[in-house]
Amino acid sequence: MHELMTAESVAEQLAVTVKTLAKWRHFGTGPRYIKLGGNGRCNAVRYRRSDIEEWIDAQAVSTRWLEEHAVRHDR
C-alpha cells in the first residue's frame, strides 16, 4: 500500500505553503497528486510519498547543463 501524505505535510517537507501546492496543482507543475472522494467540491487531496520523491529527483539541474545552456550576457 502507498503511503499517502496530506498537502500540509508535503508543504512542510518541501518548505512551501499549502497555497503554493494548490497553484502547482492548478497549473500542472507540481508533484502528482490524488483526489479522494466523489465529484463534490470537498475532494481530499493526497500525495504518494513515492511521487514526491520522484518529483524532487526530477527537479535536479546539472551544473554542466547550466554551463552549456547559459545565456551569455557579455555579447
Protein backbone atom coordinates (compact mmCIF):
# COMPACT_ATOMS: atom_id res chain seq x y z
CA MET A 1 0.00 0.00 0.00
CA HIS A 2 1.20 3.51 -0.81
CA GLU A 3 1.95 5.95 1.96
CA LEU A 4 -0.36 8.93 1.43
CA MET A 5 0.57 12.40 2.62
CA THR A 6 -1.60 15.46 3.18
CA ALA A 7 -0.94 18.76 1.43
CA GLU A 8 0.13 20.19 4.79
CA SER A 9 2.80 17.53 5.34
CA VAL A 10 4.06 17.83 1.74
CA ALA A 11 4.21 21.61 2.03
CA GLU A 12 6.25 21.29 5.19
CA GLN A 13 8.63 18.78 3.60
CA LEU A 14 9.14 20.99 0.51
CA ALA A 15 9.30 24.23 2.53
CA VAL A 16 6.45 25.83 0.56
CA THR A 17 2.94 26.87 1.52
CA VAL A 18 -0.20 24.81 1.02
CA LYS A 19 -1.34 27.63 -1.29
CA THR A 20 1.75 27.08 -3.45
CA LEU A 21 0.88 23.39 -3.75
CA ALA A 22 -2.65 24.38 -4.83
CA LYS A 23 -1.20 26.70 -7.51
CA TRP A 24 1.10 23.93 -8.72
CA ARG A 25 -1.89 21.57 -8.97
CA HIS A 26 -3.84 24.18 -10.92
CA PHE A 27 -1.00 24.76 -13.40
CA GLY A 28 0.12 21.11 -13.51
CA THR A 29 3.67 21.92 -12.45
CA GLY A 30 3.95 20.25 -9.06
CA PRO A 31 4.15 16.67 -7.91
CA ARG A 32 1.48 14.15 -8.89
CA TYR A 33 -1.46 14.02 -6.52
CA ILE A 34 -4.61 12.02 -5.84
CA LYS A 35 -8.15 13.31 -5.33
CA LEU A 36 -10.10 11.12 -2.94
CA GLY A 37 -13.87 11.19 -2.73
CA GLY A 38 -16.71 11.81 -5.10
CA ASN A 39 -17.39 14.53 -7.60
CA GLY A 40 -18.23 17.14 -4.96
CA ARG A 41 -16.18 20.21 -4.16
CA CYS A 42 -14.79 18.67 -0.95
CA ASN A 43 -12.43 16.13 -2.52
CA ALA A 44 -9.47 15.37 -0.29
CA VAL A 45 -6.08 15.83 -1.94
CA ARG A 46 -3.31 13.40 -1.05
CA TYR A 47 0.20 12.76 -2.33
CA ARG A 48 2.05 9.47 -2.56
CA ARG A 49 5.43 9.69 -0.85
CA SER A 50 6.97 7.93 -3.87
CA ASP A 51 5.56 10.62 -6.22
CA ILE A 52 7.01 13.37 -4.04
CA GLU A 53 10.43 11.70 -4.07
CA GLU A 54 10.30 11.26 -7.88
CA TRP A 55 9.25 14.89 -8.35
CA ILE A 56 12.11 16.09 -6.14
CA ASP A 57 14.58 14.00 -8.15
CA ALA A 58 13.20 15.46 -11.39
CA GLN A 59 13.92 18.99 -10.12
CA ALA A 60 17.67 18.38 -10.07
CA VAL A 61 19.58 20.55 -12.51
CA SER A 62 23.06 19.61 -13.63
CA THR A 63 25.65 22.35 -13.33
CA ARG A 64 27.17 21.12 -16.56
CA TRP A 65 23.83 21.57 -18.33
CA LEU A 66 23.59 25.11 -16.98
CA GLU A 67 27.06 25.94 -18.27
CA GLU A 68 26.29 24.53 -21.72
CA HIS A 69 22.98 26.41 -21.99
CA ALA A 70 23.82 29.60 -20.14
CA VAL A 71 22.71 32.86 -21.69
CA ARG A 72 25.75 34.94 -22.50
CA HIS A 73 25.35 38.47 -21.17
CA ASP A 74 28.71 39.64 -22.48
CA ARG A 75 27.71 39.62 -26.15
